[in-house]
PDB file of N, CA and C in Angstrom:
ATOM      1  N   MET A   1       0.800  -1.271  -0.180  1.00  0.00           N
ATOM      2  CA  MET A   1      -0.122   0.236  -0.070  1.00  0.00           C
ATOM      3  C   MET A   1       0.988   1.120   0.073  1.00  0.00           C
ATOM      4  N   ARG A   2       1.832   1.355   0.918  1.00  0.00           N
ATOM      5  CA  ARG A   2       2.668   2.539   0.863  1.00  0.00           C
ATOM      6  C   ARG A   2       3.370   2.710  -0.344  1.00  0.00           C
ATOM      7  N   SER A   3       3.932   1.635  -0.962  1.00  0.00           N
ATOM      8  CA  SER A   3       4.706   1.781  -2.375  1.00  0.00           C
ATOM      9  C   SER A   3       3.492   2.246  -3.230  1.00  0.00           C
ATOM     10  N   THR A   4       2.367   1.815  -3.269  1.00  0.00           N
ATOM     11  CA  THR A   4       1.072   2.637  -4.455  1.00  0.00           C
ATOM     12  C   THR A   4       1.126   3.964  -3.746  1.00  0.00           C
ATOM     13  N   ILE A   5       0.908   4.328  -2.853  1.00  0.00           N
ATOM     14  CA  ILE A   5       0.821   5.836  -2.384  1.00  0.00           C
ATOM     15  C   ILE A   5       2.150   6.570  -2.933  1.00  0.00           C
ATOM     16  N   LEU A   6       3.217   6.064  -2.711  1.00  0.00           N
ATOM     17  CA  LEU A   6       4.573   6.875  -3.105  1.00  0.00           C
ATOM     18  C   LEU A   6       4.719   6.702  -4.597  1.00  0.00           C
ATOM     19  N   ALA A   7       4.242   5.777  -5.242  1.00  0.00           N
ATOM     20  CA  ALA A   7       4.379   6.002  -6.659  1.00  0.00           C
ATOM     21  C   ALA A   7       3.308   6.710  -7.287  1.00  0.00           C
ATOM     22  N   GLY A   8       1.976   6.882  -6.524  1.00  0.00           N
ATOM     23  CA  GLY A   8       1.264   7.971  -7.030  1.00  0.00           C
ATOM     24  C   GLY A   8       1.608   9.321  -7.123  1.00  0.00           C
ATOM     25  N   PHE A   9       2.438   9.812  -5.799  1.00  0.00           N
ATOM     26  CA  PHE A   9       2.988  11.113  -5.271  1.00  0.00           C
ATOM     27  C   PHE A   9       4.264  11.184  -6.301  1.00  0.00           C
ATOM     28  N   VAL A  10       4.925  10.225  -6.631  1.00  0.00           N
ATOM     29  CA  VAL A  10       6.051  10.686  -7.704  1.00  0.00           C
ATOM     30  C   VAL A  10       5.349  11.050  -8.695  1.00  0.00           C
ATOM     31  N   ALA A  11       4.627  10.029  -9.410  1.00  0.00           N
ATOM     32  CA  ALA A  11       3.910  10.604 -10.593  1.00  0.00           C
ATOM     33  C   ALA A  11       3.570  11.928 -10.455  1.00  0.00           C
ATOM     34  N   ALA A  12       2.898  12.635  -9.531  1.00  0.00           N
ATOM     35  CA  ALA A  12       2.006  13.642  -9.542  1.00  0.00           C
ATOM     36  C   ALA A  12       3.510  14.849  -9.353  1.00  0.00           C
ATOM     37  N   ALA A  13       4.555  14.546  -8.527  1.00  0.00           N
ATOM     38  CA  ALA A  13       5.507  15.470  -8.476  1.00  0.00           C
ATOM     39  C   ALA A  13       6.269  15.506  -9.843  1.00  0.00           C
ATOM     40  N   ILE A  14       6.454  14.641 -10.638  1.00  0.00           N
ATOM     41  CA  ILE A  14       6.803  14.817 -12.002  1.00  0.00           C
ATOM     42  C   ILE A  14       5.851  15.888 -12.948  1.00  0.00           C
ATOM     43  N   LEU A  15       4.501  15.378 -12.769  1.00  0.00           N
ATOM     44  CA  LEU A  15       3.717  16.417 -13.671  1.00  0.00           C
ATOM     45  C   LEU A  15       3.921  17.857 -13.018  1.00  0.00           C
ATOM     46  N   THR A  16       4.095  17.985 -11.865  1.00  0.00           N
ATOM     47  CA  THR A  16       4.079  19.311 -11.332  1.00  0.00           C
ATOM     48  C   THR A  16       5.181  19.867 -11.641  1.00  0.00           C
ATOM     49  N   ALA A  17       6.541  19.165 -11.851  1.00  0.00           N
ATOM     50  CA  ALA A  17       7.589  19.720 -12.301  1.00  0.00           C
ATOM     51  C   ALA A  17       7.591  20.212 -13.610  1.00  0.00           C
ATOM     52  N   GLN A  18       7.002  19.361 -14.834  1.00  0.00           N
ATOM     53  CA  GLN A  18       6.772  19.734 -15.841  1.00  0.00           C
ATOM     54  C   GLN A  18       5.729  20.856 -16.396  1.00  0.00           C
ATOM     55  N   PHE A  19       4.891  20.808 -15.188  1.00  0.00           N
ATOM     56  CA  PHE A  19       3.921  21.989 -15.456  1.00  0.00           C
ATOM     57  C   PHE A  19       3.506  22.836 -14.261  1.00  0.00           C
ATOM     58  N   PRO A  20       4.141  23.693 -13.666  1.00  0.00           N
ATOM     59  CA  PRO A  20       4.243  24.230 -12.950  1.00  0.00           C
ATOM     60  C   PRO A  20       3.102  25.198 -12.249  1.00  0.00           C
ATOM     61  N   VAL A  21       2.288  25.142 -13.304  1.00  0.00           N
ATOM     62  CA  VAL A  21       0.672  25.902 -13.418  1.00  0.00           C
ATOM     63  C   VAL A  21       0.017  24.933 -12.201  1.00  0.00           C
ATOM     64  N   LEU A  22       0.276  23.473 -12.287  1.00  0.00           N
ATOM     65  CA  LEU A  22      -0.381  22.377 -11.701  1.00  0.00           C
ATOM     66  C   LEU A  22      -0.018  22.779 -10.172  1.00  0.00           C
ATOM     67  N   ALA A  23       0.971  23.257  -9.874  1.00  0.00           N
ATOM     68  CA  ALA A  23       1.586  23.344  -8.259  1.00  0.00           C
ATOM     69  C   ALA A  23       0.927  24.481  -7.413  1.00  0.00           C
ATOM     70  N   GLN A  24       0.099  25.197  -8.270  1.00  0.00           N
ATOM     71  CA  GLN A  24      -0.678  26.228  -7.618  1.00  0.00           C
ATOM     72  C   GLN A  24      -1.591  25.960  -6.538  1.00  0.00           C
ATOM     73  N   PRO A  25      -1.616  26.627  -5.342  1.00  0.00           N
ATOM     74  CA  PRO A  25      -2.776  25.982  -4.242  1.00  0.00           C
ATOM     75  C   PRO A  25      -3.792  25.867  -4.658  1.00  0.00           C
ATOM     76  N   MET A  26      -4.591  24.932  -4.013  1.00  0.00           N
ATOM     77  CA  MET A  26      -5.942  24.723  -4.554  1.00  0.00           C
ATOM     78  C   MET A  26      -6.824  25.354  -3.218  1.00  0.00           C
ATOM     79  N   GLU A  27      -7.834  26.057  -3.504  1.00  0.00           N
ATOM     80  CA  GLU A  27      -8.775  26.641  -2.643  1.00  0.00           C
ATOM     81  C   GLU A  27      -9.605  25.076  -1.824  1.00  0.00           C
ATOM     82  N   GLY A  28      -9.541  25.679  -0.522  1.00  0.00           N
ATOM     83  CA  GLY A  28     -10.094  24.526   0.335  1.00  0.00           C
ATOM     84  C   GLY A  28     -10.326  24.909   1.645  1.00  0.00           C
ATOM     85  N   ASN A  29     -11.239  24.314   2.599  1.00  0.00           N
ATOM     86  CA  ASN A  29     -11.303  24.770   3.888  1.00  0.00           C
ATOM     87  C   ASN A  29     -10.786  23.701   4.643  1.00  0.00           C
ATOM     88  N   PRO A  30      -9.583  23.649   5.729  1.00  0.00           N
ATOM     89  CA  PRO A  30      -9.169  22.532   6.333  1.00  0.00           C
ATOM     90  C   PRO A  30     -10.024  22.130   7.361  1.00  0.00           C
ATOM     91  N   LEU A  31     -11.039  23.498   7.933  1.00  0.00           N
ATOM     92  CA  LEU A  31     -11.745  22.559   8.934  1.00  0.00           C
ATOM     93  C   LEU A  31     -12.852  21.642   8.314  1.00  0.00           C
ATOM     94  N   SER A  32     -13.390  21.954   7.216  1.00  0.00           N
ATOM     95  CA  SER A  32     -14.127  21.074   6.558  1.00  0.00           C
ATOM     96  C   SER A  32     -13.754  20.063   6.549  1.00  0.00           C
ATOM     97  N   GLY A  33     -12.422  19.879   5.849  1.00  0.00           N
ATOM     98  CA  GLY A  33     -11.474  18.623   5.400  1.00  0.00           C
ATOM     99  C   GLY A  33     -11.512  17.882   6.459  1.00  0.00           C
ATOM    100  N   GLN A  34     -11.048  18.383   7.729  1.00  0.00           N
ATOM    101  CA  GLN A  34     -10.723  17.553   8.848  1.00  0.00           C
ATOM    102  C   GLN A  34     -12.012  17.076   9.035  1.00  0.00           C
ATOM    103  N   GLN A  35     -13.229  17.363   8.857  1.00  0.00           N
ATOM    104  CA  GLN A  35     -14.495  16.803   9.619  1.00  0.00           C
ATOM    105  C   GLN A  35     -14.744  15.693   8.398  1.00  0.00           C
ATOM    106  N   ILE A  36     -14.325  15.947   7.202  1.00  0.00           N
ATOM    107  CA  ILE A  36     -14.772  14.919   5.988  1.00  0.00           C
ATOM    108  C   ILE A  36     -13.939  13.804   6.275  1.00  0.00           C
ATOM    109  N   ALA A  37     -12.356  14.187   6.211  1.00  0.00           N
ATOM    110  CA  ALA A  37     -11.531  13.251   7.178  1.00  0.00           C
ATOM    111  C   ALA A  37     -12.101  11.864   8.194  1.00  0.00           C
ATOM    112  N   THR A  38     -12.843  12.858   9.200  1.00  0.00           N
ATOM    113  CA  THR A  38     -13.027  11.804  10.025  1.00  0.00           C
ATOM    114  C   THR A  38     -14.047  11.228  10.006  1.00  0.00           C
ATOM    115  N   GLN A  39     -15.143  11.684   9.073  1.00  0.00           N
ATOM    116  CA  GLN A  39     -16.158  11.054   8.732  1.00  0.00           C
ATOM    117  C   GLN A  39     -16.046   9.737   7.715  1.00  0.00           C
ATOM    118  N   GLN A  40     -15.183  10.014   6.850  1.00  0.00           N
ATOM    119  CA  GLN A  40     -14.867   8.993   5.766  1.00  0.00           C
ATOM    120  C   GLN A  40     -13.552   8.288   5.679  1.00  0.00           C
ATOM    121  N   CYS A  41     -12.726   8.750   6.314  1.00  0.00           N
ATOM    122  CA  CYS A  41     -11.456   8.171   6.170  1.00  0.00           C
ATOM    123  C   CYS A  41     -10.698   7.699   7.416  1.00  0.00           C
ATOM    124  N   SER A  42     -11.556   7.946   8.602  1.00  0.00           N
ATOM    125  CA  SER A  42     -10.706   7.327  10.025  1.00  0.00           C
ATOM    126  C   SER A  42     -10.801   5.969  10.175  1.00  0.00           C
ATOM    127  N   SER A  43     -11.797   5.462   9.790  1.00  0.00           N
ATOM    128  CA  SER A  43     -12.014   3.667   9.868  1.00  0.00           C
ATOM    129  C   SER A  43     -10.720   3.086   9.743  1.00  0.00           C
ATOM    130  N   CYS A  44      -9.654   3.791   8.602  1.00  0.00           N
ATOM    131  CA  CYS A  44      -8.786   2.919   8.099  1.00  0.00           C
ATOM    132  C   CYS A  44      -7.509   3.688   8.555  1.00  0.00           C
ATOM    133  N   HIS A  45      -7.493   4.962   8.471  1.00  0.00           N
ATOM    134  CA  HIS A  45      -6.402   6.106   8.361  1.00  0.00           C
ATOM    135  C   HIS A  45      -6.577   6.877   9.854  1.00  0.00           C
ATOM    136  N   ARG A  46      -5.513   7.396  10.463  1.00  0.00           N
ATOM    137  CA  ARG A  46      -5.360   8.137  11.603  1.00  0.00           C
ATOM    138  C   ARG A  46      -5.087   9.626  10.822  1.00  0.00           C
ATOM    139  N   VAL A  47      -6.564  10.338  11.190  1.00  0.00           N
ATOM    140  CA  VAL A  47      -6.387  11.255  10.463  1.00  0.00           C
ATOM    141  C   VAL A  47      -6.183  12.755  11.414  1.00  0.00           C
ATOM    142  N   LEU A  48      -6.027  12.585  12.545  1.00  0.00           N
ATOM    143  CA  LEU A  48      -5.877  13.657  13.140  1.00  0.00           C
ATOM    144  C   LEU A  48      -4.556  13.999  13.366  1.00  0.00           C
ATOM    145  N   PRO A  49      -3.908  15.461  13.640  1.00  0.00           N
ATOM    146  CA  PRO A  49      -2.517  15.596  13.864  1.00  0.00           C
ATOM    147  C   PRO A  49      -1.600  14.794  14.862  1.00  0.00           C
ATOM    148  N   MET A  50      -0.527  14.119  14.581  1.00  0.00           N
ATOM    149  CA  MET A  50       0.352  13.391  15.423  1.00  0.00           C
ATOM    150  C   MET A  50       1.852  14.383  15.619  1.00  0.00           C
ATOM    151  N   THR A  51       2.159  13.877  16.417  1.00  0.00           N
ATOM    152  CA  THR A  51       3.390  14.486  16.933  1.00  0.00           C
ATOM    153  C   THR A  51       4.736  13.576  16.433  1.00  0.00           C
ATOM    154  N   PHE A  52       4.515  12.495  16.281  1.00  0.00           N
ATOM    155  CA  PHE A  52       5.322  11.364  15.750  1.00  0.00           C
ATOM    156  C   PHE A  52       4.953  10.751  14.391  1.00  0.00           C
ATOM    157  N   PRO A  53       5.957  10.520  13.705  1.00  0.00           N
ATOM    158  CA  PRO A  53       5.217   9.991  12.641  1.00  0.00           C
ATOM    159  C   PRO A  53       4.932   8.630  12.902  1.00  0.00           C
ATOM    160  N   ASP A  54       4.231   7.778  11.964  1.00  0.00           N
ATOM    161  CA  ASP A  54       3.895   6.324  12.109  1.00  0.00           C
ATOM    162  C   ASP A  54       4.533   5.408  11.418  1.00  0.00           C
ATOM    163  N   LYS A  55       4.082   4.477  11.591  1.00  0.00           N
ATOM    164  CA  LYS A  55       4.667   3.316  10.431  1.00  0.00           C
ATOM    165  C   LYS A  55       3.772   2.338  10.155  1.00  0.00           C
ATOM    166  N   ALA A  56       2.306   3.212  10.183  1.00  0.00           N
ATOM    167  CA  ALA A  56       1.259   2.184   9.903  1.00  0.00           C
ATOM    168  C   ALA A  56       0.831   1.832   8.424  1.00  0.00           C
ATOM    169  N   ASP A  57       0.311   0.967   8.351  1.00  0.00           N
ATOM    170  CA  ASP A  57      -0.281   0.867   6.833  1.00  0.00           C
ATOM    171  C   ASP A  57      -1.778   0.520   7.034  1.00  0.00           C
ATOM    172  N   PRO A  58      -2.630   1.406   6.580  1.00  0.00           N
ATOM    173  CA  PRO A  58      -2.168   2.732   5.850  1.00  0.00           C
ATOM    174  C   PRO A  58      -1.549   3.701   6.406  1.00  0.00           C
ATOM    175  N   PRO A  59      -1.091   4.495   6.016  1.00  0.00           N
ATOM    176  CA  PRO A  59      -0.457   5.609   6.660  1.00  0.00           C
ATOM    177  C   PRO A  59      -1.462   6.654   7.499  1.00  0.00           C
ATOM    178  N   SER A  60      -0.985   7.013   8.458  1.00  0.00           N
ATOM    179  CA  SER A  60      -1.643   8.455   9.048  1.00  0.00           C
ATOM    180  C   SER A  60      -1.665   9.689   8.037  1.00  0.00           C
ATOM    181  N   PHE A  61      -2.300  10.530   7.791  1.00  0.00           N
ATOM    182  CA  PHE A  61      -2.708  11.715   7.370  1.00  0.00           C
ATOM    183  C   PHE A  61      -1.404  12.611   7.522  1.00  0.00           C
ATOM    184  N   GLN A  62      -0.888  12.356   8.731  1.00  0.00           N
ATOM    185  CA  GLN A  62       0.168  13.320   8.973  1.00  0.00           C
ATOM    186  C   GLN A  62       1.421  12.628   8.337  1.00  0.00           C
ATOM    187  N   SER A  63       1.525  11.292   8.067  1.00  0.00           N
ATOM    188  CA  SER A  63       2.723  10.654   7.619  1.00  0.00           C
ATOM    189  C   SER A  63       2.561  11.153   5.588  1.00  0.00           C
ATOM    190  N   ILE A  64       1.400  11.273   5.245  1.00  0.00           N
ATOM    191  CA  ILE A  64       1.192  11.285   4.189  1.00  0.00           C
ATOM    192  C   ILE A  64       1.682  12.841   3.981  1.00  0.00           C
ATOM    193  N   ALA A  65       1.203  13.865   4.604  1.00  0.00           N
ATOM    194  CA  ALA A  65       1.867  15.319   4.572  1.00  0.00           C
ATOM    195  C   ALA A  65       2.962  15.453   4.657  1.00  0.00           C
ATOM    196  N   ASP A  66       3.569  14.692   5.737  1.00  0.00           N
ATOM    197  CA  ASP A  66       5.024  14.921   5.806  1.00  0.00           C
ATOM    198  C   ASP A  66       6.119  14.634   4.351  1.00  0.00           C
ATOM    199  N   LEU A  67       5.638  13.331   3.685  1.00  0.00           N
ATOM    200  CA  LEU A  67       6.380  13.229   2.355  1.00  0.00           C
ATOM    201  C   LEU A  67       6.508  14.594   1.826  1.00  0.00           C
ATOM    202  N   PRO A  68       7.811  14.520   1.268  1.00  0.00           N
ATOM    203  CA  PRO A  68       8.341  15.599   0.279  1.00  0.00           C
ATOM    204  C   PRO A  68       7.242  15.740  -0.941  1.00  0.00           C
ATOM    205  N   SER A  69       6.912  14.571  -1.299  1.00  0.00           N
ATOM    206  CA  SER A  69       6.556  14.934  -2.589  1.00  0.00           C
ATOM    207  C   SER A  69       4.892  15.149  -2.394  1.00  0.00           C
ATOM    208  N   THR A  70       4.382  15.119  -1.261  1.00  0.00           N
ATOM    209  CA  THR A  70       2.932  15.664  -1.124  1.00  0.00           C
ATOM    210  C   THR A  70       2.659  17.442  -1.407  1.00  0.00           C
ATOM    211  N   THR A  71       1.954  17.267  -2.282  1.00  0.00           N
ATOM    212  CA  THR A  71       1.548  18.733  -2.883  1.00  0.00           C
ATOM    213  C   THR A  71      -0.260  18.247  -3.426  1.00  0.00           C
ATOM    214  N   GLY A  72      -0.691  19.567  -3.269  1.00  0.00           N
ATOM    215  CA  GLY A  72      -2.052  19.888  -3.829  1.00  0.00           C
ATOM    216  C   GLY A  72      -2.583  18.814  -4.747  1.00  0.00           C
ATOM    217  N   ILE A  73      -1.524  19.148  -5.775  1.00  0.00           N
ATOM    218  CA  ILE A  73      -1.898  18.129  -6.931  1.00  0.00           C
ATOM    219  C   ILE A  73      -1.917  16.574  -6.978  1.00  0.00           C
ATOM    220  N   ALA A  74      -0.696  16.330  -6.025  1.00  0.00           N
ATOM    221  CA  ALA A  74      -0.541  15.022  -5.939  1.00  0.00           C
ATOM    222  C   ALA A  74      -1.619  14.499  -5.080  1.00  0.00           C
ATOM    223  N   LEU A  75      -1.989  14.978  -4.347  1.00  0.00           N
ATOM    224  CA  LEU A  75      -3.198  14.647  -3.412  1.00  0.00           C
ATOM    225  C   LEU A  75      -4.506  14.318  -4.185  1.00  0.00           C
ATOM    226  N   ASN A  76      -4.465  15.438  -5.128  1.00  0.00           N
ATOM    227  CA  ASN A  76      -5.783  15.454  -6.266  1.00  0.00           C
ATOM    228  C   ASN A  76      -5.461  14.329  -6.823  1.00  0.00           C
ATOM    229  N   VAL A  77      -4.738  13.907  -7.843  1.00  0.00           N
ATOM    230  CA  VAL A  77      -4.307  12.942  -8.489  1.00  0.00           C
ATOM    231  C   VAL A  77      -4.527  11.614  -7.774  1.00  0.00           C
ATOM    232  N   PHE A  78      -4.171  11.268  -6.538  1.00  0.00           N
ATOM    233  CA  PHE A  78      -4.661  10.459  -5.613  1.00  0.00           C
ATOM    234  C   PHE A  78      -5.587  10.171  -5.456  1.00  0.00           C
ATOM    235  N   LEU A  79      -6.625  11.205  -4.936  1.00  0.00           N
ATOM    236  CA  LEU A  79      -8.025  11.173  -4.528  1.00  0.00           C
ATOM    237  C   LEU A  79      -8.777  10.886  -5.590  1.00  0.00           C
ATOM    238  N   HIS A  80      -8.510  11.343  -6.903  1.00  0.00           N
ATOM    239  CA  HIS A  80      -9.199  10.599  -7.917  1.00  0.00           C
ATOM    240  C   HIS A  80      -8.755   9.517  -8.845  1.00  0.00           C
ATOM    241  N   SER A  81      -8.030   8.680  -8.317  1.00  0.00           N
ATOM    242  CA  SER A  81      -7.455   7.380  -9.103  1.00  0.00           C
ATOM    243  C   SER A  81      -7.883   6.003  -8.053  1.00  0.00           C
ATOM    244  N   ASN A  82      -7.910   4.971  -8.919  1.00  0.00           N
ATOM    245  CA  ASN A  82      -8.495   3.727  -8.314  1.00  0.00           C
ATOM    246  C   ASN A  82      -7.189   3.173  -7.558  1.00  0.00           C
ATOM    247  N   HIS A  83      -7.488   2.721  -6.119  1.00  0.00           N
ATOM    248  CA  HIS A  83      -6.289   1.803  -5.627  1.00  0.00           C
ATOM    249  C   HIS A  83      -6.758   0.584  -5.020  1.00  0.00           C
ATOM    250  N   ARG A  84      -5.884  -0.440  -5.076  1.00  0.00           N
ATOM    251  CA  ARG A  84      -6.753  -1.736  -5.008  1.00  0.00           C
ATOM    252  C   ARG A  84      -6.859  -1.664  -3.513  1.00  0.00           C
ATOM    253  N   ASN A  85      -6.135  -1.267  -2.744  1.00  0.00           N
ATOM    254  CA  ASN A  85      -6.071  -1.613  -1.172  1.00  0.00           C
ATOM    255  C   ASN A  85      -7.360  -0.301  -0.400  1.00  0.00           C
ATOM    256  N   MET A  86      -7.976   0.352  -1.328  1.00  0.00           N
ATOM    257  CA  MET A  86      -8.965   1.665  -0.660  1.00  0.00           C
ATOM    258  C   MET A  86      -9.781   1.331  -1.255  1.00  0.00           C
ATOM    259  N   PRO A  87     -11.118   1.814  -0.631  1.00  0.00           N
ATOM    260  CA  PRO A  87     -12.462   1.386  -1.127  1.00  0.00           C
ATOM    261  C   PRO A  87     -12.985   2.494  -2.328  1.00  0.00           C
ATOM    262  N   ASP A  88     -13.672   2.331  -3.295  1.00  0.00           N
ATOM    263  CA  ASP A  88     -13.872   3.201  -4.001  1.00  0.00           C
ATOM    264  C   ASP A  88     -15.044   4.324  -3.429  1.00  0.00           C
ATOM    265  N   PHE A  89     -14.787   5.704  -3.427  1.00  0.00           N
ATOM    266  CA  PHE A  89     -15.650   6.658  -2.744  1.00  0.00           C
ATOM    267  C   PHE A  89     -15.757   7.551  -3.805  1.00  0.00           C
ATOM    268  N   ILE A  90     -16.721   8.437  -4.005  1.00  0.00           N
ATOM    269  CA  ILE A  90     -16.937   9.602  -5.004  1.00  0.00           C
ATOM    270  C   ILE A  90     -17.029  10.859  -3.825  1.00  0.00           C
ATOM    271  N   ILE A  91     -16.223  11.733  -4.342  1.00  0.00           N
ATOM    272  CA  ILE A  91     -15.781  12.931  -3.264  1.00  0.00           C
ATOM    273  C   ILE A  91     -16.092  13.959  -4.293  1.00  0.00           C
ATOM    274  N   SER A  92     -16.949  14.985  -3.942  1.00  0.00           N
ATOM    275  CA  SER A  92     -17.290  16.354  -4.955  1.00  0.00           C
ATOM    276  C   SER A  92     -16.000  17.056  -4.969  1.00  0.00           C
ATOM    277  N   PRO A  93     -15.693  17.801  -6.023  1.00  0.00           N
ATOM    278  CA  PRO A  93     -14.814  18.564  -6.224  1.00  0.00           C
ATOM    279  C   PRO A  93     -14.667  19.826  -4.832  1.00  0.00           C
ATOM    280  N   ALA A  94     -15.459  20.053  -4.270  1.00  0.00           N
ATOM    281  CA  ALA A  94     -15.444  20.906  -3.136  1.00  0.00           C
ATOM    282  C   ALA A  94     -15.147  20.050  -1.927  1.00  0.00           C
ATOM    283  N   ASP A  95     -15.443  19.114  -1.686  1.00  0.00           N
ATOM    284  CA  ASP A  95     -14.936  18.143  -0.483  1.00  0.00           C
ATOM    285  C   ASP A  95     -13.507  17.653  -0.899  1.00  0.00           C
ATOM    286  N   SER A  96     -12.887  17.347  -2.022  1.00  0.00           N
ATOM    287  CA  SER A  96     -11.832  17.080  -2.656  1.00  0.00           C
ATOM    288  C   SER A  96     -10.967  18.148  -2.095  1.00  0.00           C
ATOM    289  N   ASN A  97     -11.167  19.355  -1.929  1.00  0.00           N
ATOM    290  CA  ASN A  97     -10.248  20.647  -2.186  1.00  0.00           C
ATOM    291  C   ASN A  97      -9.808  20.983  -0.491  1.00  0.00           C
ATOM    292  N   ASP A  98     -11.026  20.558   0.062  1.00  0.00           N
ATOM    293  CA  ASP A  98     -11.309  20.844   1.556  1.00  0.00           C
ATOM    294  C   ASP A  98     -10.508  19.866   2.069  1.00  0.00           C
ATOM    295  N   LEU A  99     -10.436  18.597   1.894  1.00  0.00           N
ATOM    296  CA  LEU A  99      -9.760  17.322   2.397  1.00  0.00           C
ATOM    297  C   LEU A  99      -8.089  17.539   1.886  1.00  0.00           C
ATOM    298  N   ILE A 100      -7.781  18.171   0.831  1.00  0.00           N
ATOM    299  CA  ILE A 100      -6.385  18.208   0.403  1.00  0.00           C
ATOM    300  C   ILE A 100      -5.864  19.505   1.239  1.00  0.00           C
ATOM    301  N   ALA A 101      -6.909  20.656   1.478  1.00  0.00           N
ATOM    302  CA  ALA A 101      -6.515  21.582   2.482  1.00  0.00           C
ATOM    303  C   ALA A 101      -6.238  21.147   3.676  1.00  0.00           C
ATOM    304  N   TYR A 102      -7.117  20.152   4.290  1.00  0.00           N
ATOM    305  CA  TYR A 102      -6.609  19.653   5.577  1.00  0.00           C
ATOM    306  C   TYR A 102      -5.548  18.731   5.836  1.00  0.00           C
ATOM    307  N   ILE A 103      -5.146  18.004   4.842  1.00  0.00           N
ATOM    308  CA  ILE A 103      -4.086  17.300   4.795  1.00  0.00           C
ATOM    309  C   ILE A 103      -2.906  18.228   4.825  1.00  0.00           C
ATOM    310  N   LEU A 104      -2.744  19.116   4.089  1.00  0.00           N
ATOM    311  CA  LEU A 104      -1.519  20.072   3.386  1.00  0.00           C
ATOM    312  C   LEU A 104      -1.441  21.228   4.745  1.00  0.00           C
ATOM    313  N   SER A 105      -2.490  21.211   5.700  1.00  0.00           N
ATOM    314  CA  SER A 105      -2.382  21.777   6.848  1.00  0.00           C
ATOM    315  C   SER A 105      -1.370  21.461   7.804  1.00  0.00           C
ATOM    316  N   LEU A 106      -1.433  20.106   8.059  1.00  0.00           N
ATOM    317  CA  LEU A 106      -0.856  18.977   8.743  1.00  0.00           C
ATOM    318  C   LEU A 106       0.851  18.805   8.588  1.00  0.00           C
ATOM    319  N   LYS A 107       1.173  19.438   7.185  1.00  0.00           N
ATOM    320  CA  LYS A 107       2.440  19.558   7.079  1.00  0.00           C
ATOM    321  C   LYS A 107       3.525  20.010   7.558  1.00  0.00           C
ATOM    322  N   LYS A 108       4.519  19.568   8.418  1.00  0.00           N
ATOM    323  CA  LYS A 108       5.259  20.111   9.139  1.00  0.00           C
ATOM    324  C   LYS A 108       6.041  21.353   8.428  1.00  0.00           C
ATOM    325  N   LYS A 109       6.180  21.977   8.749  1.00  0.00           N
ATOM    326  CA  LYS A 109       7.036  23.662   8.217  1.00  0.00           C
ATOM    327  C   LYS A 109       8.416  23.531   8.215  1.00  0.00           C
TER     328      LYS A 109
END
């Protein structure tokens, strides 16, 4: 699972490097994104901020946020791609942007 996530982020990072316009920040509400994450993702992922990184599979949102390759576009690509170890779910563009904003808000500066 972790390698699938990393491969998705690497592919998105390559796209972002080739097309910098894709790297622009997305509009989204992190507070709403936290609510969405708690409702839709917390049965498998740890979604709340963490002090220490984890080694869990599936990874926590904190671990995902802390990956160097995690960008808004990488998360957008990942959320709209099929993954064999994740349930298929349909998320609206607004909810997707909120979820992305929340995950990016976890990124350690």
